[in-house]
């Protein structure tokens, strides 16, 4: 089941970050995949958007493959899928 308009709007609002680079990556992600996001994807994005800007940037550009606060969650297939989509050029 895909996310509703309200949930998608909330995620897009939460995606406005302090680092322009994060904003650009997240904006591109929502343009490409926003209409197909499901509830599990929404949970993953909520967890990612709760990170501080530098940790999020490290994950988005592949400088790090995990962060301490999300190590367990990052083992799930849905987390890996969302992160891979975020990293698409």
Protein backbone atom coordinates (compact mmCIF):
# COMPACT_ATOMS: atom_id res chain seq x y z
CA UNK A 1 0.00 0.00 0.00
CA UNK A 2 1.47 3.34 -1.01
CA UNK A 3 1.74 6.31 1.31
CA UNK A 4 -1.09 8.80 1.36
CA UNK A 5 -0.69 12.44 0.48
CA UNK A 6 -0.48 13.52 4.14
CA UNK A 7 2.28 11.03 4.99
CA UNK A 8 4.22 11.91 1.86
CA UNK A 9 3.89 15.63 2.59
CA UNK A 10 5.16 15.10 6.16
CA UNK A 11 8.19 13.17 4.90
CA UNK A 12 8.98 15.84 2.31
CA UNK A 13 8.71 18.52 5.00
CA UNK A 14 11.00 16.57 7.31
CA UNK A 15 13.45 16.17 4.42
CA UNK A 16 14.26 19.88 4.35
CA UNK A 17 17.70 19.86 5.89
CA UNK A 18 20.46 22.23 6.90
CA UNK A 19 22.85 20.92 4.26
CA UNK A 20 22.01 21.79 0.66
CA UNK A 21 23.55 18.52 -0.53
CA UNK A 22 21.10 16.51 1.59
CA UNK A 23 18.22 18.61 0.28
CA UNK A 24 19.20 17.95 -3.32
CA UNK A 25 19.58 14.20 -2.85
CA UNK A 26 16.29 13.90 -0.97
CA UNK A 27 14.45 16.07 -3.49
CA UNK A 28 15.69 13.90 -6.36
CA UNK A 29 14.62 10.78 -4.44
CA UNK A 30 11.09 12.07 -3.89
CA UNK A 31 10.78 13.11 -7.54
CA UNK A 32 11.76 9.63 -8.71
CA UNK A 33 10.19 7.40 -6.07
CA UNK A 34 7.71 9.44 -4.03
CA UNK A 35 4.58 8.09 -5.73
CA UNK A 36 5.64 4.46 -5.14
CA UNK A 37 6.67 4.68 -1.48
CA UNK A 38 4.93 2.27 0.86
CA UNK A 39 4.46 2.33 4.63
CA UNK A 40 7.69 0.41 5.29
CA UNK A 41 9.62 2.86 3.13
CA UNK A 42 8.05 5.68 5.14
CA UNK A 43 9.29 4.13 8.40
CA UNK A 44 12.81 3.81 6.99
CA UNK A 45 12.80 7.41 5.77
CA UNK A 46 11.54 8.63 9.15
CA UNK A 47 14.46 6.87 10.84
CA UNK A 48 16.94 8.30 8.36
CA UNK A 49 15.55 11.82 8.64
CA UNK A 50 15.94 11.65 12.43
CA UNK A 51 19.73 11.49 11.97
CA UNK A 52 21.85 14.61 12.20
CA UNK A 53 22.80 16.17 8.88
CA UNK A 54 26.38 14.91 8.79
CA UNK A 55 25.47 11.28 9.55
CA UNK A 56 22.71 11.42 6.96
CA UNK A 57 25.10 12.86 4.37
CA UNK A 58 27.65 10.14 5.07
CA UNK A 59 25.01 7.48 4.40
CA UNK A 60 23.58 9.18 1.33
CA UNK A 61 26.91 9.56 -0.44
CA UNK A 62 28.19 6.16 0.70
CA UNK A 63 30.99 7.47 2.88
CA UNK A 64 29.57 5.18 5.59
CA UNK A 65 27.49 2.05 5.29
CA UNK A 66 25.99 2.33 8.76
CA UNK A 67 25.66 4.57 11.78
CA UNK A 68 25.70 3.38 15.37
CA UNK A 69 22.15 4.51 16.14
CA UNK A 70 20.64 2.46 13.28
CA UNK A 71 22.94 -0.57 13.02
CA UNK A 72 20.21 -3.14 13.70
CA UNK A 73 17.63 -1.45 11.46
CA UNK A 74 20.09 -1.19 8.59
CA UNK A 75 20.23 -4.97 8.29
CA UNK A 76 16.67 -5.15 6.96
CA UNK A 77 16.00 -5.53 3.26
CA UNK A 78 13.65 -2.55 3.15
CA UNK A 79 16.28 -0.30 4.72
CA UNK A 80 18.88 -1.41 2.20
CA UNK A 81 16.46 -0.88 -0.68
CA UNK A 82 15.55 2.66 0.37
CA UNK A 83 19.21 3.55 0.94
CA UNK A 84 20.11 2.17 -2.48
CA UNK A 85 17.39 4.30 -4.10
CA UNK A 86 18.63 7.35 -2.22
CA UNK A 87 22.14 6.74 -3.53
CA UNK A 88 21.08 6.51 -7.19
CA UNK A 89 22.73 9.13 -9.36
